[in-house]
Amino acid sequence: MMTIEQTVDIPPNHRLELDLPFELPVGRARVELTIIPEEKENPAKGETAFGCLHRFADPSKIPDEKGAWEQAVLEKYAKN
């Protein structure tokens, strides 16, 4: 098995042409193509991960957060 990673620009006709390495044997092969869209280089304001959930924040819940993870672990893994 061989993994090849390439970054390409997708043309308007959505047709891609790939150059495969000469090390590949001639004949039939199973080919998997995974398309991962790239992130915008300069996201517009409000599109970054940092602070995107700020509108859901409830300052009155902040005291409840102290020890919440520890309590959840105890509840999940406590032997009854």
C-alpha atoms as a PDB file:
ATOM      1  CA  MET A   1       0.000   0.000   0.000  1.00  0.00           C
ATOM      2  CA  MET A   2       1.239   3.483  -0.807  1.00  0.00           C
ATOM      3  CA  THR A   3      -0.043   6.823   0.461  1.00  0.00           C
ATOM      4  CA  ILE A   4       0.208   9.872  -1.746  1.00  0.00           C
ATOM      5  CA  GLU A   5      -0.779  13.328  -0.572  1.00  0.00           C
ATOM      6  CA  GLN A   6      -1.204  16.204  -2.966  1.00  0.00           C
ATOM      7  CA  THR A   7      -2.775  19.615  -2.657  1.00  0.00           C
ATOM      8  CA  VAL A   8      -4.487  20.648  -5.849  1.00  0.00           C
ATOM      9  CA  ASP A   9      -6.681  23.477  -7.067  1.00  0.00           C
ATOM     10  CA  ILE A  10     -10.065  22.226  -8.202  1.00  0.00           C
ATOM     11  CA  PRO A  11     -10.797  23.670 -11.650  1.00  0.00           C
ATOM     12  CA  PRO A  12     -14.245  24.919 -12.691  1.00  0.00           C
ATOM     13  CA  ASN A  13     -14.925  21.707 -14.624  1.00  0.00           C
ATOM     14  CA  HIS A  14     -14.159  19.644 -11.464  1.00  0.00           C
ATOM     15  CA  ARG A  15     -11.858  17.279 -13.378  1.00  0.00           C
ATOM     16  CA  LEU A  16      -8.542  16.330 -11.791  1.00  0.00           C
ATOM     17  CA  GLU A  17      -5.457  14.842 -13.367  1.00  0.00           C
ATOM     18  CA  LEU A  18      -2.984  13.175 -11.022  1.00  0.00           C
ATOM     19  CA  ASP A  19       0.610  12.176 -11.707  1.00  0.00           C
ATOM     20  CA  LEU A  20       1.265   8.827 -10.037  1.00  0.00           C
ATOM     21  CA  PRO A  21       4.743   7.680  -8.988  1.00  0.00           C
ATOM     22  CA  PHE A  22       6.608   5.386 -11.377  1.00  0.00           C
ATOM     23  CA  GLU A  23       7.132   2.920  -8.497  1.00  0.00           C
ATOM     24  CA  LEU A  24       3.522   1.784  -8.812  1.00  0.00           C
ATOM     25  CA  PRO A  25       3.206  -1.503 -10.669  1.00  0.00           C
ATOM     26  CA  VAL A  26       1.303  -1.426 -13.942  1.00  0.00           C
ATOM     27  CA  GLY A  27      -2.078  -3.114 -13.738  1.00  0.00           C
ATOM     28  CA  ARG A  28      -5.252  -2.883 -11.724  1.00  0.00           C
ATOM     29  CA  ALA A  29      -5.203  -1.169  -8.347  1.00  0.00           C
ATOM     30  CA  ARG A  30      -7.750  -0.008  -5.856  1.00  0.00           C
ATOM     31  CA  VAL A  31      -7.537   3.776  -5.496  1.00  0.00           C
ATOM     32  CA  GLU A  32      -9.076   5.768  -2.661  1.00  0.00           C
ATOM     33  CA  LEU A  33      -9.486   9.520  -2.995  1.00  0.00           C
ATOM     34  CA  THR A  34     -10.212  11.585   0.101  1.00  0.00           C
ATOM     35  CA  ILE A  35     -11.066  15.239  -0.402  1.00  0.00           C
ATOM     36  CA  ILE A  36     -10.472  17.474   2.598  1.00  0.00           C
ATOM     37  CA  PRO A  37     -11.428  21.103   1.975  1.00  0.00           C
ATOM     38  CA  GLU A  38      -8.768  23.514   3.174  1.00  0.00           C
ATOM     39  CA  GLU A  39      -9.633  26.171   5.695  1.00  0.00           C
ATOM     40  CA  LYS A  40      -9.729  29.770   4.583  1.00  0.00           C
ATOM     41  CA  GLU A  41      -6.371  31.400   5.187  1.00  0.00           C
ATOM     42  CA  ASN A  42      -7.883  34.570   6.648  1.00  0.00           C
ATOM     43  CA  PRO A  43     -11.269  33.743   8.124  1.00  0.00           C
ATOM     44  CA  ALA A  44     -13.666  36.631   8.472  1.00  0.00           C
ATOM     45  CA  LYS A  45     -14.420  37.982  11.924  1.00  0.00           C
ATOM     46  CA  GLY A  46     -16.657  35.587  13.819  1.00  0.00           C
ATOM     47  CA  GLU A  47     -15.585  32.519  11.851  1.00  0.00           C
ATOM     48  CA  THR A  48     -12.708  31.453  14.094  1.00  0.00           C
ATOM     49  CA  ALA A  49     -13.044  28.624  16.606  1.00  0.00           C
ATOM     50  CA  PHE A  50     -11.898  30.839  19.482  1.00  0.00           C
ATOM     51  CA  GLY A  51     -14.964  32.491  20.905  1.00  0.00           C
ATOM     52  CA  CYS A  52     -17.494  31.097  18.436  1.00  0.00           C
ATOM     53  CA  LEU A  53     -19.651  29.753  21.287  1.00  0.00           C
ATOM     54  CA  HIS A  54     -19.490  32.974  23.289  1.00  0.00           C
ATOM     55  CA  ARG A  55     -23.144  33.732  22.544  1.00  0.00           C
ATOM     56  CA  PHE A  56     -24.135  30.579  24.473  1.00  0.00           C
ATOM     57  CA  ALA A  57     -22.075  31.485  27.554  1.00  0.00           C
ATOM     58  CA  ASP A  58     -23.933  31.824  30.829  1.00  0.00           C
ATOM     59  CA  PRO A  59     -21.775  33.582  33.438  1.00  0.00           C
ATOM     60  CA  SER A  60     -24.052  32.316  36.223  1.00  0.00           C
ATOM     61  CA  LYS A  61     -22.878  28.736  35.464  1.00  0.00           C
ATOM     62  CA  ILE A  62     -19.165  29.463  35.966  1.00  0.00           C
ATOM     63  CA  PRO A  63     -19.196  28.403  39.653  1.00  0.00           C
ATOM     64  CA  ASP A  64     -20.763  25.064  38.624  1.00  0.00           C
ATOM     65  CA  GLU A  65     -17.805  24.354  36.328  1.00  0.00           C
ATOM     66  CA  LYS A  66     -15.369  24.003  39.219  1.00  0.00           C
ATOM     67  CA  GLY A  67     -15.039  20.287  39.804  1.00  0.00           C
ATOM     68  CA  ALA A  68     -17.536  19.363  37.059  1.00  0.00           C
ATOM     69  CA  TRP A  69     -15.089  17.124  35.194  1.00  0.00           C
ATOM     70  CA  GLU A  70     -14.066  15.299  38.357  1.00  0.00           C
ATOM     71  CA  GLN A  71     -17.719  14.804  39.313  1.00  0.00           C
ATOM     72  CA  ALA A  72     -18.576  13.436  35.855  1.00  0.00           C
ATOM     73  CA  VAL A  73     -15.715  10.924  36.048  1.00  0.00           C
ATOM     74  CA  LEU A  74     -16.832   9.800  39.503  1.00  0.00           C
ATOM     75  CA  GLU A  75     -20.396   9.344  38.304  1.00  0.00           C
ATOM     76  CA  LYS A  76     -19.335   7.408  35.229  1.00  0.00           C
ATOM     77  CA  TYR A  77     -16.763   5.112  36.817  1.00  0.00           C
ATOM     78  CA  ALA A  78     -17.952   4.810  40.422  1.00  0.00           C
ATOM     79  CA  LYS A  79     -18.516   1.229  41.465  1.00  0.00           C
ATOM     80  CA  ASN A  80     -21.976   0.796  42.942  1.00  0.00           C
END
